[in-house]
Amino acid sequence: QVQLVESGGGLVQAGGSLRLSCKASGRTFSSYAMGWFRQAPGKEREFVAAISWSGASTYYADSVKGRFTISRDNTKNTAYLQLNSLKPEDTAVYYCAIKVGDYSDFHRLYNYWGQGTQVTVSS
């Protein structure tokens, strides 16, 4: 069993930045690929970014490419999502999730999820 806890969300003005963290406990974090997803009210859960177990490979949704950066530190069992140049449409609850094997942009393939952290971007 793995537990994931997100932190770092908050209220920020458009153009601002936030850094989200996802702390894992339980099984070996470095064995899993990791993804960030988000869900706005009334909308489906949406892929944001993913990273391989080693951190060598990353993948981004087109909507965040060039603005967000995913990373991980396996020595700290923690993954990060740096959010820059934030827009009001980035407002959502952000979730981290992990899965065995390669990363994916399909949320149903992920095995463990955090509780989410709210990001609100004001215009």
PDB file of N, CA and C in Angstrom:
ATOM      1  N   GLN A   1       0.841  -1.192   0.000  1.00  0.00           N
ATOM      2  CA  GLN A   1       0.000   0.000   0.000  1.00  0.00           C
ATOM      3  C   GLN A   1       0.881   1.249   0.000  1.00  0.00           C
ATOM      4  N   VAL A   2       0.460   2.254  -0.734  1.00  0.00           N
ATOM      5  CA  VAL A   2       1.183   3.520  -0.801  1.00  0.00           C
ATOM      6  C   VAL A   2       0.213   4.639  -0.463  1.00  0.00           C
ATOM      7  N   GLN A   3       0.672   5.560   0.322  1.00  0.00           N
ATOM      8  CA  GLN A   3      -0.114   6.745   0.620  1.00  0.00           C
ATOM      9  C   GLN A   3       0.549   7.949  -0.029  1.00  0.00           C
ATOM     10  N   LEU A   4      -0.260   8.791  -0.643  1.00  0.00           N
ATOM     11  CA  LEU A   4       0.215   9.999  -1.302  1.00  0.00           C
ATOM     12  C   LEU A   4      -0.458  11.213  -0.680  1.00  0.00           C
ATOM     13  N   VAL A   5       0.342  12.234  -0.408  1.00  0.00           N
ATOM     14  CA  VAL A   5      -0.203  13.457   0.177  1.00  0.00           C
ATOM     15  C   VAL A   5       0.302  14.645  -0.634  1.00  0.00           C
ATOM     16  N   GLU A   6      -0.630  15.386  -1.227  1.00  0.00           N
ATOM     17  CA  GLU A   6      -0.270  16.579  -1.989  1.00  0.00           C
ATOM     18  C   GLU A   6      -0.265  17.800  -1.078  1.00  0.00           C
ATOM     19  N   SER A   7       0.527  18.785  -1.446  1.00  0.00           N
ATOM     20  CA  SER A   7       0.545  20.058  -0.742  1.00  0.00           C
ATOM     21  C   SER A   7       1.016  21.125  -1.709  1.00  0.00           C
ATOM     22  N   GLY A   8       0.864  22.390  -1.287  1.00  0.00           N
ATOM     23  CA  GLY A   8       1.389  23.487  -2.083  1.00  0.00           C
ATOM     24  C   GLY A   8       0.358  24.266  -2.871  1.00  0.00           C
ATOM     25  N   GLY A   9      -0.885  23.815  -2.845  1.00  0.00           N
ATOM     26  CA  GLY A   9      -1.915  24.560  -3.555  1.00  0.00           C
ATOM     27  C   GLY A   9      -2.219  25.877  -2.870  1.00  0.00           C
ATOM     28  N   GLY A  10      -3.026  26.695  -3.546  1.00  0.00           N
ATOM     29  CA  GLY A  10      -3.400  27.965  -2.961  1.00  0.00           C
ATOM     30  C   GLY A  10      -4.042  28.875  -3.973  1.00  0.00           C
ATOM     31  N   LEU A  11      -4.177  30.129  -3.570  1.00  0.00           N
ATOM     32  CA  LEU A  11      -4.768  31.169  -4.418  1.00  0.00           C
ATOM     33  C   LEU A  11      -3.649  32.042  -4.955  1.00  0.00           C
ATOM     34  N   VAL A  12      -3.648  32.237  -6.265  1.00  0.00           N
ATOM     35  CA  VAL A  12      -2.598  33.026  -6.893  1.00  0.00           C
ATOM     36  C   VAL A  12      -3.210  33.836  -8.030  1.00  0.00           C
ATOM     37  N   GLN A  13      -2.614  34.966  -8.322  1.00  0.00           N
ATOM     38  CA  GLN A  13      -3.091  35.776  -9.437  1.00  0.00           C
ATOM     39  C   GLN A  13      -2.591  35.210 -10.763  1.00  0.00           C
ATOM     40  N   ALA A  14      -3.298  35.516 -11.815  1.00  0.00           N
ATOM     41  CA  ALA A  14      -2.878  35.090 -13.147  1.00  0.00           C
ATOM     42  C   ALA A  14      -1.457  35.572 -13.413  1.00  0.00           C
ATOM     43  N   GLY A  15      -0.660  34.688 -13.992  1.00  0.00           N
ATOM     44  CA  GLY A  15       0.739  34.987 -14.235  1.00  0.00           C
ATOM     45  C   GLY A  15       1.663  34.548 -13.127  1.00  0.00           C
ATOM     46  N   GLY A  16       1.087  34.171 -11.999  1.00  0.00           N
ATOM     47  CA  GLY A  16       1.876  33.754 -10.857  1.00  0.00           C
ATOM     48  C   GLY A  16       2.326  32.311 -10.936  1.00  0.00           C
ATOM     49  N   SER A  17       2.966  31.858  -9.856  1.00  0.00           N
ATOM     50  CA  SER A  17       3.531  30.517  -9.808  1.00  0.00           C
ATOM     51  C   SER A  17       3.179  29.823  -8.499  1.00  0.00           C
ATOM     52  N   LEU A  18       3.151  28.515  -8.568  1.00  0.00           N
ATOM     53  CA  LEU A  18       3.012  27.663  -7.395  1.00  0.00           C
ATOM     54  C   LEU A  18       3.867  26.421  -7.602  1.00  0.00           C
ATOM     55  N   ARG A  19       4.241  25.787  -6.495  1.00  0.00           N
ATOM     56  CA  ARG A  19       4.947  24.518  -6.570  1.00  0.00           C
ATOM     57  C   ARG A  19       4.191  23.503  -5.746  1.00  0.00           C
ATOM     58  N   LEU A  20       3.677  22.498  -6.416  1.00  0.00           N
ATOM     59  CA  LEU A  20       2.964  21.428  -5.732  1.00  0.00           C
ATOM     60  C   LEU A  20       3.939  20.305  -5.393  1.00  0.00           C
ATOM     61  N   SER A  21       3.699  19.669  -4.255  1.00  0.00           N
ATOM     62  CA  SER A  21       4.494  18.520  -3.834  1.00  0.00           C
ATOM     63  C   SER A  21       3.587  17.323  -3.623  1.00  0.00           C
ATOM     64  N   CYS A  22       4.134  16.153  -3.825  1.00  0.00           N
ATOM     65  CA  CYS A  22       3.426  14.903  -3.598  1.00  0.00           C
ATOM     66  C   CYS A  22       4.366  13.986  -2.834  1.00  0.00           C
ATOM     67  N   LYS A  23       4.062  13.794  -1.561  1.00  0.00           N
ATOM     68  CA  LYS A  23       4.906  12.980  -0.688  1.00  0.00           C
ATOM     69  C   LYS A  23       4.319  11.580  -0.585  1.00  0.00           C
ATOM     70  N   ALA A  24       5.164  10.579  -0.827  1.00  0.00           N
ATOM     71  CA  ALA A  24       4.715   9.194  -0.776  1.00  0.00           C
ATOM     72  C   ALA A  24       5.256   8.485   0.449  1.00  0.00           C
ATOM     73  N   SER A  25       4.468   7.584   0.978  1.00  0.00           N
ATOM     74  CA  SER A  25       4.916   6.720   2.060  1.00  0.00           C
ATOM     75  C   SER A  25       4.404   5.320   1.797  1.00  0.00           C
ATOM     76  N   GLY A  26       5.059   4.350   2.369  1.00  0.00           N
ATOM     77  CA  GLY A  26       4.657   2.973   2.133  1.00  0.00           C
ATOM     78  C   GLY A  26       5.676   2.269   1.271  1.00  0.00           C
ATOM     79  N   ARG A  27       5.228   1.697   0.187  1.00  0.00           N
ATOM     80  CA  ARG A  27       6.119   0.952  -0.692  1.00  0.00           C
ATOM     81  C   ARG A  27       7.108   1.877  -1.393  1.00  0.00           C
ATOM     82  N   THR A  28       8.091   1.277  -2.029  1.00  0.00           N
ATOM     83  CA  THR A  28       9.163   2.032  -2.650  1.00  0.00           C
ATOM     84  C   THR A  28       8.632   2.932  -3.753  1.00  0.00           C
ATOM     85  N   PHE A  29       8.715   4.214  -3.521  1.00  0.00           N
ATOM     86  CA  PHE A  29       8.217   5.216  -4.458  1.00  0.00           C
ATOM     87  C   PHE A  29       8.912   5.129  -5.802  1.00  0.00           C
ATOM     88  N   SER A  30      10.188   4.811  -5.794  1.00  0.00           N
ATOM     89  CA  SER A  30      10.967   4.820  -7.026  1.00  0.00           C
ATOM     90  C   SER A  30      10.563   3.708  -7.990  1.00  0.00           C
ATOM     91  N   SER A  31       9.726   2.785  -7.554  1.00  0.00           N
ATOM     92  CA  SER A  31       9.277   1.707  -8.433  1.00  0.00           C
ATOM     93  C   SER A  31       8.135   2.126  -9.342  1.00  0.00           C
ATOM     94  N   TYR A  32       7.571   3.287  -9.123  1.00  0.00           N
ATOM     95  CA  TYR A  32       6.349   3.709  -9.806  1.00  0.00           C
ATOM     96  C   TYR A  32       6.570   4.903 -10.721  1.00  0.00           C
ATOM     97  N   ALA A  33       5.884   4.875 -11.850  1.00  0.00           N
ATOM     98  CA  ALA A  33       5.718   6.096 -12.637  1.00  0.00           C
ATOM     99  C   ALA A  33       4.706   6.973 -11.921  1.00  0.00           C
ATOM    100  N   MET A  34       4.754   8.245 -12.213  1.00  0.00           N
ATOM    101  CA  MET A  34       3.953   9.177 -11.451  1.00  0.00           C
ATOM    102  C   MET A  34       3.277  10.187 -12.370  1.00  0.00           C
ATOM    103  N   GLY A  35       2.048  10.520 -12.064  1.00  0.00           N
ATOM    104  CA  GLY A  35       1.323  11.490 -12.875  1.00  0.00           C
ATOM    105  C   GLY A  35       0.627  12.534 -12.031  1.00  0.00           C
ATOM    106  N   TRP A  36       0.418  13.674 -12.634  1.00  0.00           N
ATOM    107  CA  TRP A  36      -0.413  14.725 -12.039  1.00  0.00           C
ATOM    108  C   TRP A  36      -1.651  14.893 -12.924  1.00  0.00           C
ATOM    109  N   PHE A  37      -2.784  15.000 -12.276  1.00  0.00           N
ATOM    110  CA  PHE A  37      -4.056  15.224 -12.952  1.00  0.00           C
ATOM    111  C   PHE A  37      -4.766  16.374 -12.250  1.00  0.00           C
ATOM    112  N   ARG A  38      -5.768  16.910 -12.912  1.00  0.00           N
ATOM    113  CA  ARG A  38      -6.550  17.966 -12.283  1.00  0.00           C
ATOM    114  C   ARG A  38      -8.020  17.808 -12.659  1.00  0.00           C
ATOM    115  N   GLN A  39      -8.856  18.343 -11.795  1.00  0.00           N
ATOM    116  CA  GLN A  39     -10.289  18.276 -12.033  1.00  0.00           C
ATOM    117  C   GLN A  39     -10.944  19.569 -11.578  1.00  0.00           C
ATOM    118  N   ALA A  40     -11.581  20.239 -12.513  1.00  0.00           N
ATOM    119  CA  ALA A  40     -12.323  21.460 -12.220  1.00  0.00           C
ATOM    120  C   ALA A  40     -13.781  21.084 -11.985  1.00  0.00           C
ATOM    121  N   PRO A  41     -14.523  21.921 -11.277  1.00  0.00           N
ATOM    122  CA  PRO A  41     -15.934  21.618 -10.992  1.00  0.00           C
ATOM    123  C   PRO A  41     -16.716  21.370 -12.270  1.00  0.00           C
ATOM    124  N   GLY A  42     -17.447  20.270 -12.291  1.00  0.00           N
ATOM    125  CA  GLY A  42     -18.283  19.946 -13.432  1.00  0.00           C
ATOM    126  C   GLY A  42     -17.545  19.403 -14.632  1.00  0.00           C
ATOM    127  N   LYS A  43     -16.248  19.159 -14.482  1.00  0.00           N
ATOM    128  CA  LYS A  43     -15.455  18.661 -15.612  1.00  0.00           C
ATOM    129  C   LYS A  43     -14.837  17.319 -15.280  1.00  0.00           C
ATOM    130  N   GLU A  44     -14.417  16.628 -16.333  1.00  0.00           N
ATOM    131  CA  GLU A  44     -13.749  15.335 -16.161  1.00  0.00           C
ATOM    132  C   GLU A  44     -12.332  15.545 -15.617  1.00  0.00           C
ATOM    133  N   ARG A  45     -11.808  14.482 -14.991  1.00  0.00           N
ATOM    134  CA  ARG A  45     -10.418  14.537 -14.557  1.00  0.00           C
ATOM    135  C   ARG A  45      -9.523  14.598 -15.796  1.00  0.00           C
ATOM    136  N   GLU A  46      -8.530  15.481 -15.733  1.00  0.00           N
ATOM    137  CA  GLU A  46      -7.720  15.806 -16.895  1.00  0.00           C
ATOM    138  C   GLU A  46      -6.249  15.539 -16.609  1.00  0.00           C
ATOM    139  N   PHE A  47      -5.569  14.933 -17.555  1.00  0.00           N
ATOM    140  CA  PHE A  47      -4.135  14.703 -17.435  1.00  0.00           C
ATOM    141  C   PHE A  47      -3.377  16.021 -17.513  1.00  0.00           C
ATOM    142  N   VAL A  48      -2.345  16.141 -16.678  1.00  0.00           N
ATOM    143  CA  VAL A  48      -1.511  17.331 -16.682  1.00  0.00           C
ATOM    144  C   VAL A  48      -0.080  16.989 -17.089  1.00  0.00           C
ATOM    145  N   ALA A  49       0.539  16.066 -16.361  1.00  0.00           N
ATOM    146  CA  ALA A  49       1.935  15.727 -16.625  1.00  0.00           C
ATOM    147  C   ALA A  49       2.242  14.374 -16.012  1.00  0.00           C
ATOM    148  N   ALA A  50       3.287  13.731 -16.522  1.00  0.00           N
ATOM    149  CA  ALA A  50       3.710  12.443 -15.987  1.00  0.00           C
ATOM    150  C   ALA A  50       5.223  12.330 -16.075  1.00  0.00           C
ATOM    151  N   ILE A  51       5.769  11.444 -15.251  1.00  0.00           N
ATOM    152  CA  ILE A  51       7.218  11.255 -15.200  1.00  0.00           C
ATOM    153  C   ILE A  51       7.511   9.780 -14.960  1.00  0.00           C
ATOM    154  N   SER A  52       8.562   9.296 -15.583  1.00  0.00           N
ATOM    155  CA  SER A  52       8.933   7.897 -15.418  1.00  0.00           C
ATOM    156  C   SER A  52       9.490   7.644 -14.026  1.00  0.00           C
ATOM    157  N   TRP A  53       9.651   6.363 -13.683  1.00  0.00           N
ATOM    158  CA  TRP A  53      10.098   6.035 -12.338  1.00  0.00           C
ATOM    159  C   TRP A  53      11.465   6.632 -12.027  1.00  0.00           C
ATOM    160  N   SER A  54      12.325   6.736 -13.046  1.00  0.00           N
ATOM    161  CA  SER A  54      13.684   7.253 -12.833  1.00  0.00           C
ATOM    162  C   SER A  54      13.738   8.772 -12.914  1.00  0.00           C
ATOM    163  N   GLY A  55      12.719   9.369 -13.499  1.00  0.00           N
ATOM    164  CA  GLY A  55      12.736  10.806 -13.727  1.00  0.00           C
ATOM    165  C   GLY A  55      13.340  11.194 -15.063  1.00  0.00           C
ATOM    166  N   ALA A  56      13.770  10.223 -15.834  1.00  0.00           N
ATOM    167  CA  ALA A  56      14.463  10.510 -17.083  1.00  0.00           C
ATOM    168  C   ALA A  56      13.511  10.957 -18.187  1.00  0.00           C
ATOM    169  N   SER A  57      12.263  10.530 -18.101  1.00  0.00           N
ATOM    170  CA  SER A  57      11.289  10.864 -19.147  1.00  0.00           C
ATOM    171  C   SER A  57      10.100  11.594 -18.548  1.00  0.00           C
ATOM    172  N   THR A  58       9.632  12.609 -19.259  1.00  0.00           N
ATOM    173  CA  THR A  58       8.468  13.364 -18.839  1.00  0.00           C
ATOM    174  C   THR A  58       7.510  13.552 -20.013  1.00  0.00           C
ATOM    175  N   TYR A  59       6.269  13.850 -19.669  1.00  0.00           N
ATOM    176  CA  TYR A  59       5.231  13.993 -20.699  1.00  0.00           C
ATOM    177  C   TYR A  59       4.225  15.001 -20.188  1.00  0.00           C
ATOM    178  N   TYR A  60       3.776  15.918 -21.071  1.00  0.00           N
ATOM    179  CA  TYR A  60       2.891  16.993 -20.649  1.00  0.00           C
ATOM    180  C   TYR A  60       1.670  17.091 -21.561  1.00  0.00           C
ATOM    181  N   ALA A  61       0.574  17.527 -20.965  1.00  0.00           N
ATOM    182  CA  ALA A  61      -0.573  17.907 -21.764  1.00  0.00           C
ATOM    183  C   ALA A  61      -0.219  19.170 -22.546  1.00  0.00           C
ATOM    184  N   ASP A  62      -0.786  19.299 -23.737  1.00  0.00           N
ATOM    185  CA  ASP A  62      -0.485  20.474 -24.557  1.00  0.00           C
ATOM    186  C   ASP A  62      -0.841  21.777 -23.848  1.00  0.00           C
ATOM    187  N   SER A  63      -1.878  21.719 -23.023  1.00  0.00           N
ATOM    188  CA  SER A  63      -2.366  22.934 -22.368  1.00  0.00           C
ATOM    189  C   SER A  63      -1.387  23.487 -21.334  1.00  0.00           C
ATOM    190  N   VAL A  64      -0.457  22.667 -20.870  1.00  0.00           N
ATOM    191  CA  VAL A  64       0.481  23.126 -19.838  1.00  0.00           C
ATOM    192  C   VAL A  64       1.933  23.102 -20.299  1.00  0.00           C
ATOM    193  N   LYS A  65       2.168  22.581 -21.480  1.00  0.00           N
ATOM    194  CA  LYS A  65       3.533  22.450 -21.977  1.00  0.00           C
ATOM    195  C   LYS A  65       4.203  23.822 -22.036  1.00  0.00           C
ATOM    196  N   GLY A  66       5.418  23.887 -21.506  1.00  0.00           N
ATOM    197  CA  GLY A  66       6.143  25.144 -21.488  1.00  0.00           C
ATOM    198  C   GLY A  66       5.857  26.004 -20.270  1.00  0.00           C
ATOM    199  N   ARG A  67       4.824  25.660 -19.513  1.00  0.00           N
ATOM    200  CA  ARG A  67       4.484  26.426 -18.306  1.00  0.00           C
ATOM    201  C   ARG A  67       4.675  25.600 -17.034  1.00  0.00           C
ATOM    202  N   PHE A  68       4.399  24.319 -17.109  1.00  0.00           N
ATOM    203  CA  PHE A  68       4.509  23.441 -15.944  1.00  0.00           C
ATOM    204  C   PHE A  68       5.722  22.525 -16.104  1.00  0.00           C
ATOM    205  N   THR A  69       6.311  22.159 -14.974  1.00  0.00           N
ATOM    206  CA  THR A  69       7.449  21.232 -14.985  1.00  0.00           C
ATOM    207  C   THR A  69       7.257  20.181 -13.902  1.00  0.00           C
ATOM    208  N   ILE A  70       7.319  18.928 -14.301  1.00  0.00           N
ATOM    209  CA  ILE A  70       7.217  17.825 -13.358  1.00  0.00           C
ATOM    210  C   ILE A  70       8.614  17.312 -13.046  1.00  0.00           C
ATOM    211  N   SER A  71       8.825  16.930 -11.797  1.00  0.00           N
ATOM    212  CA  SER A  71      10.119  16.374 -11.386  1.00  0.00           C
ATOM    213  C   SER A  71       9.885  15.459 -10.199  1.00  0.00           C
ATOM    214  N   ARG A  72      10.923  14.735  -9.824  1.00  0.00           N
ATOM    215  CA  ARG A  72      10.813  13.867  -8.658  1.00  0.00           C
ATOM    216  C   ARG A  72      12.170  13.709  -8.009  1.00  0.00           C
ATOM    217  N   ASP A  73      12.150  13.456  -6.717  1.00  0.00           N
ATOM    218  CA  ASP A  73      13.351  13.162  -5.948  1.00  0.00           C
ATOM    219  C   ASP A  73      13.074  11.859  -5.210  1.00  0.00           C
ATOM    220  N   ASN A  74      13.569  10.759  -5.747  1.00  0.00           N
ATOM    221  CA  ASN A  74      13.280   9.453  -5.149  1.00  0.00           C
ATOM    222  C   ASN A  74      13.942   9.274  -3.790  1.00  0.00           C
ATOM    223  N   THR A  75      14.979  10.044  -3.508  1.00  0.00           N
ATOM    224  CA  THR A  75      15.603   9.949  -2.189  1.00  0.00           C
ATOM    225  C   THR A  75      14.700  10.543  -1.112  1.00  0.00           C
ATOM    226  N   LYS A  76      13.777  11.400  -1.526  1.00  0.00           N
ATOM    227  CA  LYS A  76      12.842  12.025  -0.584  1.00  0.00           C
ATOM    228  C   LYS A  76      11.425  11.495  -0.746  1.00  0.00           C
ATOM    229  N   ASN A  77      11.249  10.501  -1.629  1.00  0.00           N
ATOM    230  CA  ASN A  77       9.912   9.961  -1.899  1.00  0.00           C
ATOM    231  C   ASN A  77       8.921  11.067  -2.250  1.00  0.00           C
ATOM    232  N   THR A  78       9.374  12.029  -3.012  1.00  0.00           N
ATOM    233  CA  THR A  78       8.554  13.199  -3.309  1.00  0.00           C
ATOM    234  C   THR A  78       8.625  13.556  -4.792  1.00  0.00           C
ATOM    235  N   ALA A  79       7.479  13.928  -5.328  1.00  0.00           N
ATOM    236  CA  ALA A  79       7.398  14.453  -6.678  1.00  0.00           C
ATOM    237  C   ALA A  79       6.891  15.887  -6.613  1.00  0.00           C
ATOM    238  N   TYR A  80       7.178  16.629  -7.670  1.00  0.00           N
ATOM    239  CA  TYR A  80       6.847  18.040  -7.683  1.00  0.00           C
ATOM    240  C   TYR A  80       6.180  18.408  -9.006  1.00  0.00           C
ATOM    241  N   LEU A  81       5.381  19.457  -8.945  1.00  0.00           N
ATOM    242  CA  LEU A  81       4.844  20.056 -10.153  1.00  0.00           C
ATOM    243  C   LEU A  81       4.980  21.568  -9.998  1.00  0.00           C
ATOM    244  N   GLN A  82       5.892  22.142 -10.781  1.00  0.00           N
ATOM    245  CA  GLN A  82       6.086  23.587 -10.786  1.00  0.00           C
ATOM    246  C   GLN A  82       5.109  24.192 -11.778  1.00  0.00           C
ATOM    247  N   LEU A  83       4.290  25.101 -11.297  1.00  0.00           N
ATOM    248  CA  LEU A  83       3.285  25.741 -12.129  1.00  0.00           C
ATOM    249  C   LEU A  83       3.664  27.206 -12.323  1.00  0.00           C
ATOM    250  N   ASN A  84       4.004  27.574 -13.532  1.00  0.00           N
ATOM    251  CA  ASN A  84       4.354  28.952 -13.866  1.00  0.00           C
ATOM    252  C   ASN A  84       3.352  29.540 -14.847  1.00  0.00           C
ATOM    253  N   SER A  85       3.353  30.855 -14.941  1.00  0.00           N
ATOM    254  CA  SER A  85       2.468  31.560 -15.879  1.00  0.00           C
ATOM    255  C   SER A  85       1.032  31.052 -15.770  1.00  0.00           C
ATOM    256  N   LEU A  86       0.559  30.983 -14.565  1.00  0.00           N
ATOM    257  CA  LEU A  86      -0.755  30.400 -14.324  1.00  0.00           C
ATOM    258  C   LEU A  86      -1.868  31.234 -14.942  1.00  0.00           C
ATOM    259  N   LYS A  87      -2.907  30.537 -15.390  1.00  0.00           N
ATOM    260  CA  LYS A  87      -4.063  31.154 -16.019  1.00  0.00           C
ATOM    261  C   LYS A  87      -5.316  30.777 -15.219  1.00  0.00           C
ATOM    262  N   PRO A  88      -6.357  31.583 -15.299  1.00  0.00           N
ATOM    263  CA  PRO A  88      -7.598  31.218 -14.589  1.00  0.00           C
ATOM    264  C   PRO A  88      -8.112  29.828 -14.960  1.00  0.00           C
ATOM    265  N   GLU A  89      -7.894  29.404 -16.185  1.00  0.00           N
ATOM    266  CA  GLU A  89      -8.366  28.081 -16.602  1.00  0.00           C
ATOM    267  C   GLU A  89      -7.556  26.935 -15.979  1.00  0.00           C
ATOM    268  N   ASP A  90      -6.477  27.256 -15.282  1.00  0.00           N
ATOM    269  CA  ASP A  90      -5.733  26.235 -14.545  1.00  0.00           C
ATOM    270  C   ASP A  90      -6.369  25.933 -13.187  1.00  0.00           C
ATOM    271  N   THR A  91      -7.377  26.693 -12.822  1.00  0.00           N
ATOM    272  CA  THR A  91      -8.051  26.478 -11.548  1.00  0.00           C
ATOM    273  C   THR A  91      -8.678  25.093 -11.496  1.00  0.00           C
ATOM    274  N   ALA A  92      -8.329  24.322 -10.462  1.00  0.00           N
ATOM    275  CA  ALA A  92      -8.801  22.944 -10.321  1.00  0.00           C
ATOM    276  C   ALA A  92      -8.228  22.357  -9.044  1.00  0.00           C
ATOM    277  N   VAL A  93      -8.733  21.187  -8.697  1.00  0.00           N
ATOM    278  CA  VAL A  93      -8.070  20.365  -7.688  1.00  0.00           C
ATOM    279  C   VAL A  93      -7.032  19.516  -8.413  1.00  0.00           C
ATOM    280  N   TYR A  94      -5.811  19.557  -7.914  1.00  0.00           N
ATOM    281  CA  TYR A  94      -4.708  18.824  -8.532  1.00  0.00           C
ATOM    282  C   TYR A  94      -4.413  17.574  -7.718  1.00  0.00           C
ATOM    283  N   TYR A  95      -4.315  16.447  -8.416  1.00  0.00           N
ATOM    284  CA  TYR A  95      -4.073  15.159  -7.792  1.00  0.00           C
ATOM    285  C   TYR A  95      -2.771  14.553  -8.318  1.00  0.00           C
ATOM    286  N   CYS A  96      -2.020  13.916  -7.429  1.00  0.00           N
ATOM    287  CA  CYS A  96      -0.918  13.081  -7.890  1.00  0.00           C
ATOM    288  C   CYS A  96      -1.346  11.619  -7.793  1.00  0.00           C
ATOM    289  N   ALA A  97      -0.746  10.815  -8.639  1.00  0.00           N
ATOM    290  CA  ALA A  97      -1.083   9.398  -8.686  1.00  0.00           C
ATOM    291  C   ALA A  97       0.131   8.620  -9.165  1.00  0.00           C
ATOM    292  N   ILE A  98       0.195   7.350  -8.806  1.00  0.00           N
ATOM    293  CA  ILE A  98       1.315   6.520  -9.222  1.00  0.00           C
ATOM    294  C   ILE A  98       0.810   5.212  -9.813  1.00  0.00           C
ATOM    295  N   LYS A  99       1.632   4.619 -10.669  1.00  0.00           N
ATOM    296  CA  LYS A  99       1.281   3.361 -11.302  1.00  0.00           C
ATOM    297  C   LYS A  99       2.539   2.545 -11.552  1.00  0.00           C
ATOM    298  N   VAL A 100       2.350   1.268 -11.621  1.00  0.00           N
ATOM    299  CA  VAL A 100       3.434   0.355 -11.980  1.00  0.00           C
ATOM    300  C   VAL A 100       3.665   0.453 -13.481  1.00  0.00           C
ATOM    301  N   GLY A 101       4.916   0.336 -13.896  1.00  0.00           N
ATOM    302  CA  GLY A 101       5.213   0.351 -15.314  1.00  0.00           C
ATOM    303  C   GLY A 101       5.375   1.747 -15.870  1.00  0.00           C
ATOM    304  N   ASP A 102       5.156   1.881 -17.177  1.00  0.00           N
ATOM    305  CA  ASP A 102       5.343   3.159 -17.853  1.00  0.00           C
ATOM    306  C   ASP A 102       4.276   4.165 -17.438  1.00  0.00           C
ATOM    307  N   TYR A 103       4.615   5.430 -17.574  1.00  0.00           N
ATOM    308  CA  TYR A 103       3.626   6.453 -17.266  1.00  0.00           C
ATOM    309  C   TYR A 103       2.559   6.469 -18.351  1.00  0.00           C
ATOM    310  N   SER A 104       1.459   7.126 -18.038  1.00  0.00           N
ATOM    311  CA  SER A 104       0.317   7.170 -18.946  1.00  0.00           C
ATOM    312  C   SER A 104      -0.451   8.457 -18.723  1.00  0.00           C
ATOM    313  N   ASP A 105      -1.212   8.868 -19.733  1.00  0.00           N
ATOM    314  CA  ASP A 105      -2.092  10.018 -19.568  1.00  0.00           C
ATOM    315  C   ASP A 105      -3.530   9.581 -19.277  1.00  0.00           C
ATOM    316  N   PHE A 106      -3.744   8.286 -19.040  1.00  0.00           N
ATOM    317  CA  PHE A 106      -5.073   7.748 -18.770  1.00  0.00           C
ATOM    318  C   PHE A 106      -5.220   7.490 -17.280  1.00  0.00           C
ATOM    319  N   HIS A 107      -6.071   8.241 -16.646  1.00  0.00           N
ATOM    320  CA  HIS A 107      -6.112   8.213 -15.189  1.00  0.00           C
ATOM    321  C   HIS A 107      -6.527   6.856 -14.632  1.00  0.00           C
ATOM    322  N   ARG A 108      -7.300   6.081 -15.380  1.00  0.00           N
ATOM    323  CA  ARG A 108      -7.791   4.806 -14.838  1.00  0.00           C
ATOM    324  C   ARG A 108      -6.684   3.766 -14.693  1.00  0.00           C
ATOM    325  N   LEU A 109      -5.522   4.015 -15.278  1.00  0.00           N
ATOM    326  CA  LEU A 109      -4.410   3.078 -15.168  1.00  0.00           C
ATOM    327  C   LEU A 109      -3.602   3.277 -13.888  1.00  0.00           C
ATOM    328  N   TYR A 110      -3.879   4.350 -13.171  1.00  0.00           N
ATOM    329  CA  TYR A 110      -3.101   4.641 -11.971  1.00  0.00           C
ATOM    330  C   TYR A 110      -3.692   3.926 -10.758  1.00  0.00           C
ATOM    331  N   ASN A 111      -2.797   3.431  -9.909  1.00  0.00           N
ATOM    332  CA  ASN A 111      -3.201   2.552  -8.823  1.00  0.00           C
ATOM    333  C   ASN A 111      -3.496   3.291  -7.515  1.00  0.00           C
ATOM    334  N   TYR A 112      -2.721   4.323  -7.236  1.00  0.00           N
ATOM    335  CA  TYR A 112      -2.858   5.027  -5.966  1.00  0.00           C
ATOM    336  C   TYR A 112      -2.965   6.523  -6.231  1.00  0.00           C
ATOM    337  N   TRP A 113      -3.807   7.181  -5.423  1.00  0.00           N
ATOM    338  CA  TRP A 113      -4.096   8.603  -5.595  1.00  0.00           C
ATOM    339  C   TRP A 113      -3.977   9.339  -4.271  1.00  0.00           C
ATOM    340  N   GLY A 114      -3.576  10.600  -4.379  1.00  0.00           N
ATOM    341  CA  GLY A 114      -3.624  11.471  -3.227  1.00  0.00           C
ATOM    342  C   GLY A 114      -5.013  12.074  -3.077  1.00  0.00           C
ATOM    343  N   GLN A 115      -5.165  12.906  -2.065  1.00  0.00           N
ATOM    344  CA  GLN A 115      -6.471  13.491  -1.761  1.00  0.00           C
ATOM    345  C   GLN A 115      -6.724  14.772  -2.545  1.00  0.00           C
ATOM    346  N   GLY A 116      -5.695  15.323  -3.147  1.00  0.00           N
ATOM    347  CA  GLY A 116      -5.849  16.522  -3.956  1.00  0.00           C
ATOM    348  C   GLY A 116      -5.496  17.792  -3.217  1.00  0.00           C
ATOM    349  N   THR A 117      -5.086  18.796  -3.977  1.00  0.00           N
ATOM    350  CA  THR A 117      -4.809  20.116  -3.429  1.00  0.00           C
ATOM    351  C   THR A 117      -5.405  21.152  -4.383  1.00  0.00           C
ATOM    352  N   GLN A 118      -6.073  22.147  -3.814  1.00  0.00           N
ATOM    353  CA  GLN A 118      -6.793  23.126  -4.622  1.00  0.00           C
ATOM    354  C   GLN A 118      -5.849  24.204  -5.127  1.00  0.00           C
ATOM    355  N   VAL A 119      -5.940  24.473  -6.418  1.00  0.00           N
ATOM    356  CA  VAL A 119      -5.236  25.596  -7.033  1.00  0.00           C
ATOM    357  C   VAL A 119      -6.289  26.527  -7.621  1.00  0.00           C
ATOM    358  N   THR A 120      -6.255  27.776  -7.195  1.00  0.00           N
ATOM    359  CA  THR A 120      -7.196  28.772  -7.688  1.00  0.00           C
ATOM    360  C   THR A 120      -6.414  29.942  -8.258  1.00  0.00           C
ATOM    361  N   VAL A 121      -6.694  30.267  -9.509  1.00  0.00           N
ATOM    362  CA  VAL A 121      -6.006  31.355 -10.188  1.00  0.00           C
ATOM    363  C   VAL A 121      -7.015  32.459 -10.476  1.00  0.00           C
ATOM    364  N   SER A 122      -6.781  33.622  -9.918  1.00  0.00           N
ATOM    365  CA  SER A 122      -7.686  34.746 -10.124  1.00  0.00           C
ATOM    366  C   SER A 122      -7.216  35.594 -11.303  1.00  0.00           C
ATOM    367  N   SER A 123      -8.183  36.192 -11.960  1.00  0.00           N
ATOM    368  CA  SER A 123      -7.846  37.009 -13.145  1.00  0.00           C
ATOM    369  C   SER A 123      -7.624  38.463 -12.766  1.00  0.00           C
TER     370      SER A 123
END
